[in-house]
């Protein structure tokens, strides 16, 4: 991953960490369940965005390795298939 991607991923994950801490506090304070649920959805969205960025980076790396001849296209396709399996299960 390049520096810009790392910064973006780290920002999303740190924000999510803050949201999770807030969610825990909300539960301890017995806050409205709907408010808690909305915060959980927001945290999930951040994790999803970070995951997409990591996935995109991996796919770009795999394609570049195959194009450069560092790895065979079959090896890189196996990596992509593994990613897709995880996404679809």
N, C-alpha and C. Protein backbone atom coordinates (compact mmCIF):
# COMPACT_ATOMS: atom_id res chain seq x y z
N UNK A 1 0.84 -1.17 0.00
CA UNK A 1 0.00 0.00 0.00
C UNK A 1 0.89 1.24 0.00
N UNK A 2 0.45 2.23 -0.72
CA UNK A 2 1.22 3.47 -0.71
C UNK A 2 0.86 4.30 0.53
N UNK A 3 1.65 5.35 0.75
CA UNK A 3 1.47 6.16 1.96
C UNK A 3 0.08 6.77 2.05
N UNK A 4 -0.45 7.23 0.92
CA UNK A 4 -1.77 7.87 0.93
C UNK A 4 -2.86 6.86 1.32
N UNK A 5 -2.75 5.65 0.77
CA UNK A 5 -3.72 4.60 1.13
C UNK A 5 -3.61 4.26 2.62
N UNK A 6 -2.37 4.13 3.10
CA UNK A 6 -2.17 3.83 4.52
C UNK A 6 -2.81 4.89 5.40
N UNK A 7 -2.61 6.16 5.07
CA UNK A 7 -3.18 7.24 5.85
C UNK A 7 -4.70 7.15 5.88
N UNK A 8 -5.29 6.89 4.73
CA UNK A 8 -6.74 6.81 4.63
C UNK A 8 -7.29 5.62 5.43
N UNK A 9 -6.64 4.50 5.31
CA UNK A 9 -7.06 3.29 6.04
C UNK A 9 -6.92 3.50 7.54
N UNK A 10 -5.78 4.03 7.96
CA UNK A 10 -5.56 4.27 9.38
C UNK A 10 -6.56 5.27 9.94
N UNK A 11 -6.88 6.30 9.17
CA UNK A 11 -7.85 7.29 9.62
C UNK A 11 -9.21 6.64 9.85
N UNK A 12 -9.64 5.83 8.88
CA UNK A 12 -10.94 5.15 9.02
C UNK A 12 -10.95 4.22 10.22
N UNK A 13 -9.87 3.47 10.42
CA UNK A 13 -9.82 2.53 11.53
C UNK A 13 -9.73 3.23 12.89
N UNK A 14 -9.00 4.32 12.94
CA UNK A 14 -8.93 5.07 14.20
C UNK A 14 -10.27 5.70 14.54
N UNK A 15 -10.95 6.20 13.52
CA UNK A 15 -12.28 6.75 13.74
C UNK A 15 -13.22 5.67 14.23
N UNK A 16 -13.12 4.50 13.62
CA UNK A 16 -13.96 3.37 14.02
C UNK A 16 -13.66 2.97 15.47
N UNK A 17 -12.40 2.97 15.84
CA UNK A 17 -12.02 2.65 17.21
C UNK A 17 -12.70 3.62 18.18
N UNK A 18 -12.69 4.89 17.83
CA UNK A 18 -13.35 5.89 18.66
C UNK A 18 -14.84 5.64 18.75
N UNK A 19 -15.43 5.25 17.61
CA UNK A 19 -16.86 4.95 17.63
C UNK A 19 -17.16 3.75 18.50
N UNK A 20 -16.32 2.73 18.44
CA UNK A 20 -16.53 1.54 19.26
C UNK A 20 -16.45 1.89 20.75
N UNK A 21 -15.49 2.73 21.11
CA UNK A 21 -15.39 3.15 22.50
C UNK A 21 -16.65 3.92 22.91
N UNK A 22 -17.15 4.74 22.00
CA UNK A 22 -18.39 5.47 22.27
C UNK A 22 -19.58 4.55 22.40
N UNK A 23 -19.63 3.52 21.59
CA UNK A 23 -20.72 2.55 21.66
C UNK A 23 -20.71 1.83 23.00
N UNK A 24 -19.52 1.43 23.44
CA UNK A 24 -19.41 0.76 24.74
C UNK A 24 -19.92 1.68 25.85
N UNK A 25 -19.54 2.93 25.79
CA UNK A 25 -20.00 3.90 26.79
C UNK A 25 -21.51 4.07 26.73
N UNK A 26 -22.05 4.13 25.52
CA UNK A 26 -23.50 4.27 25.36
C UNK A 26 -24.23 3.10 26.00
N UNK A 27 -23.71 1.91 25.83
CA UNK A 27 -24.34 0.72 26.42
C UNK A 27 -24.24 0.77 27.94
N UNK A 28 -23.06 1.14 28.43
CA UNK A 28 -22.89 1.25 29.88
C UNK A 28 -23.85 2.28 30.48
N UNK A 29 -24.12 3.34 29.72
CA UNK A 29 -25.02 4.38 30.19
C UNK A 29 -26.49 4.07 29.92
N UNK A 30 -26.72 2.87 29.35
CA UNK A 30 -28.08 2.42 29.02
C UNK A 30 -28.81 3.42 28.12
N UNK A 31 -28.09 3.84 27.08
CA UNK A 31 -28.66 4.79 26.13
C UNK A 31 -29.68 4.09 25.23
N UNK A 32 -30.41 4.88 24.51
CA UNK A 32 -31.44 4.39 23.60
C UNK A 32 -30.85 3.35 22.64
N UNK A 33 -31.42 2.14 22.57
CA UNK A 33 -30.90 1.11 21.69
C UNK A 33 -30.82 1.53 20.21
N UNK A 34 -31.76 2.35 19.77
CA UNK A 34 -31.72 2.80 18.38
C UNK A 34 -30.50 3.69 18.12
N UNK A 35 -30.16 4.52 19.09
CA UNK A 35 -28.95 5.34 18.97
C UNK A 35 -27.71 4.47 18.93
N UNK A 36 -27.68 3.45 19.78
CA UNK A 36 -26.55 2.51 19.80
C UNK A 36 -26.46 1.81 18.45
N UNK A 37 -27.58 1.36 17.94
CA UNK A 37 -27.60 0.66 16.66
C UNK A 37 -27.08 1.55 15.53
N UNK A 38 -27.49 2.80 15.53
CA UNK A 38 -27.01 3.73 14.49
C UNK A 38 -25.50 3.88 14.54
N UNK A 39 -24.94 3.92 15.74
CA UNK A 39 -23.49 4.02 15.86
C UNK A 39 -22.80 2.74 15.41
N UNK A 40 -23.42 1.62 15.67
CA UNK A 40 -22.87 0.34 15.19
C UNK A 40 -22.84 0.33 13.67
N UNK A 41 -23.91 0.80 13.04
CA UNK A 41 -23.95 0.87 11.58
C UNK A 41 -22.85 1.79 11.04
N UNK A 42 -22.63 2.90 11.71
CA UNK A 42 -21.58 3.83 11.28
C UNK A 42 -20.20 3.17 11.39
N UNK A 43 -19.97 2.43 12.46
CA UNK A 43 -18.69 1.73 12.64
C UNK A 43 -18.51 0.66 11.56
N UNK A 44 -19.58 -0.05 11.25
CA UNK A 44 -19.51 -1.06 10.19
C UNK A 44 -19.16 -0.43 8.85
N UNK A 45 -19.73 0.72 8.58
CA UNK A 45 -19.45 1.40 7.31
C UNK A 45 -17.97 1.78 7.22
N UNK A 46 -17.40 2.24 8.31
CA UNK A 46 -15.98 2.59 8.31
C UNK A 46 -15.12 1.35 8.09
N UNK A 47 -15.46 0.25 8.74
CA UNK A 47 -14.71 -0.98 8.55
C UNK A 47 -14.82 -1.47 7.11
N UNK A 48 -16.01 -1.35 6.55
CA UNK A 48 -16.21 -1.77 5.17
C UNK A 48 -15.35 -0.93 4.22
N UNK A 49 -15.34 0.39 4.45
CA UNK A 49 -14.54 1.27 3.60
C UNK A 49 -13.05 0.94 3.71
N UNK A 50 -12.56 0.72 4.92
CA UNK A 50 -11.16 0.35 5.11
C UNK A 50 -10.86 -0.98 4.44
N UNK A 51 -11.77 -1.93 4.57
CA UNK A 51 -11.59 -3.23 3.93
C UNK A 51 -11.51 -3.13 2.42
N UNK A 52 -12.35 -2.29 1.84
CA UNK A 52 -12.32 -2.09 0.38
C UNK A 52 -10.99 -1.50 -0.06
N UNK A 53 -10.47 -0.58 0.73
CA UNK A 53 -9.19 0.03 0.39
C UNK A 53 -8.06 -0.99 0.46
N UNK A 54 -8.07 -1.83 1.48
CA UNK A 54 -7.05 -2.87 1.60
C UNK A 54 -7.18 -3.85 0.44
N UNK A 55 -8.39 -4.24 0.13
CA UNK A 55 -8.64 -5.15 -0.98
C UNK A 55 -8.16 -4.56 -2.30
N UNK A 56 -8.48 -3.32 -2.54
CA UNK A 56 -8.06 -2.65 -3.76
C UNK A 56 -6.54 -2.65 -3.89
N UNK A 57 -5.87 -2.36 -2.80
CA UNK A 57 -4.41 -2.36 -2.80
C UNK A 57 -3.86 -3.74 -3.13
N UNK A 58 -4.45 -4.77 -2.54
CA UNK A 58 -3.99 -6.13 -2.80
C UNK A 58 -4.19 -6.51 -4.26
N UNK A 59 -5.34 -6.15 -4.80
CA UNK A 59 -5.61 -6.49 -6.20
C UNK A 59 -4.63 -5.77 -7.14
N UNK A 60 -4.36 -4.51 -6.86
CA UNK A 60 -3.39 -3.77 -7.68
C UNK A 60 -2.01 -4.39 -7.59
N UNK A 61 -1.62 -4.78 -6.37
CA UNK A 61 -0.32 -5.42 -6.17
C UNK A 61 -0.24 -6.73 -6.93
N UNK A 62 -1.29 -7.52 -6.85
CA UNK A 62 -1.32 -8.81 -7.56
C UNK A 62 -1.21 -8.62 -9.06
N UNK A 63 -1.96 -7.66 -9.59
CA UNK A 63 -1.92 -7.41 -11.03
C UNK A 63 -0.54 -6.94 -11.46
N UNK A 64 0.09 -6.09 -10.65
CA UNK A 64 1.42 -5.58 -10.98
C UNK A 64 2.46 -6.69 -10.94
N UNK A 65 2.37 -7.57 -9.94
CA UNK A 65 3.30 -8.69 -9.85
C UNK A 65 3.18 -9.60 -11.06
N UNK A 66 1.96 -9.85 -11.48
CA UNK A 66 1.76 -10.70 -12.66
C UNK A 66 2.29 -10.01 -13.91
N UNK A 67 2.03 -8.71 -14.05
CA UNK A 67 2.50 -7.97 -15.22
C UNK A 67 4.01 -7.87 -15.27
N UNK A 68 4.64 -7.72 -14.11
CA UNK A 68 6.10 -7.60 -14.04
C UNK A 68 6.81 -8.95 -14.16
N UNK A 69 6.05 -10.02 -14.06
CA UNK A 69 6.64 -11.35 -14.13
C UNK A 69 7.21 -11.82 -12.81
N UNK A 70 6.93 -11.08 -11.72
CA UNK A 70 7.41 -11.51 -10.40
C UNK A 70 6.72 -12.80 -9.96
N UNK A 71 5.47 -12.92 -10.27
CA UNK A 71 4.69 -14.13 -9.99
C UNK A 71 3.93 -14.49 -11.25
N UNK A 72 3.54 -15.73 -11.35
CA UNK A 72 2.78 -16.14 -12.52
C UNK A 72 1.35 -15.60 -12.42
N UNK A 73 0.71 -15.41 -13.55
CA UNK A 73 -0.69 -14.99 -13.51
C UNK A 73 -1.56 -15.98 -12.73
N UNK A 74 -1.22 -17.27 -12.79
CA UNK A 74 -1.99 -18.28 -12.06
C UNK A 74 -1.87 -18.08 -10.55
N UNK A 75 -0.66 -17.75 -10.08
CA UNK A 75 -0.47 -17.51 -8.66
C UNK A 75 -1.29 -16.31 -8.19
N UNK A 76 -1.24 -15.27 -8.96
CA UNK A 76 -1.97 -14.06 -8.59
C UNK A 76 -3.48 -14.26 -8.71
N UNK A 77 -3.90 -15.06 -9.68
CA UNK A 77 -5.32 -15.36 -9.80
C UNK A 77 -5.80 -16.15 -8.59
N UNK A 78 -4.95 -17.03 -8.08
CA UNK A 78 -5.29 -17.78 -6.87
C UNK A 78 -5.48 -16.83 -5.69
N UNK A 79 -4.66 -15.80 -5.61
CA UNK A 79 -4.80 -14.80 -4.56
C UNK A 79 -6.14 -14.08 -4.69
N UNK A 80 -6.47 -13.68 -5.91
CA UNK A 80 -7.73 -12.99 -6.16
C UNK A 80 -8.91 -13.90 -5.83
N UNK A 81 -8.82 -15.16 -6.18
CA UNK A 81 -9.89 -16.11 -5.88
C UNK A 81 -10.07 -16.26 -4.37
N UNK A 82 -8.98 -16.29 -3.63
CA UNK A 82 -9.06 -16.38 -2.18
C UNK A 82 -9.79 -15.17 -1.61
N UNK A 83 -9.46 -14.00 -2.13
CA UNK A 83 -10.14 -12.77 -1.68
C UNK A 83 -11.63 -12.84 -1.98
N UNK A 84 -11.96 -13.27 -3.17
CA UNK A 84 -13.38 -13.35 -3.55
C UNK A 84 -14.13 -14.36 -2.69
N UNK A 85 -13.50 -15.47 -2.38
CA UNK A 85 -14.14 -16.46 -1.50
C UNK A 85 -14.48 -15.85 -0.15
N UNK A 86 -13.54 -15.07 0.40
CA UNK A 86 -13.77 -14.44 1.69
C UNK A 86 -14.89 -13.40 1.61
N UNK A 87 -14.95 -12.70 0.51
CA UNK A 87 -15.99 -11.68 0.33
C UNK A 87 -17.37 -12.30 0.20
N UNK A 88 -17.44 -13.45 -0.43
CA UNK A 88 -18.73 -14.04 -0.75
C UNK A 88 -19.23 -15.04 0.29
N UNK A 89 -18.47 -15.23 1.36
CA UNK A 89 -18.93 -16.16 2.40
C UNK A 89 -19.29 -15.43 3.65
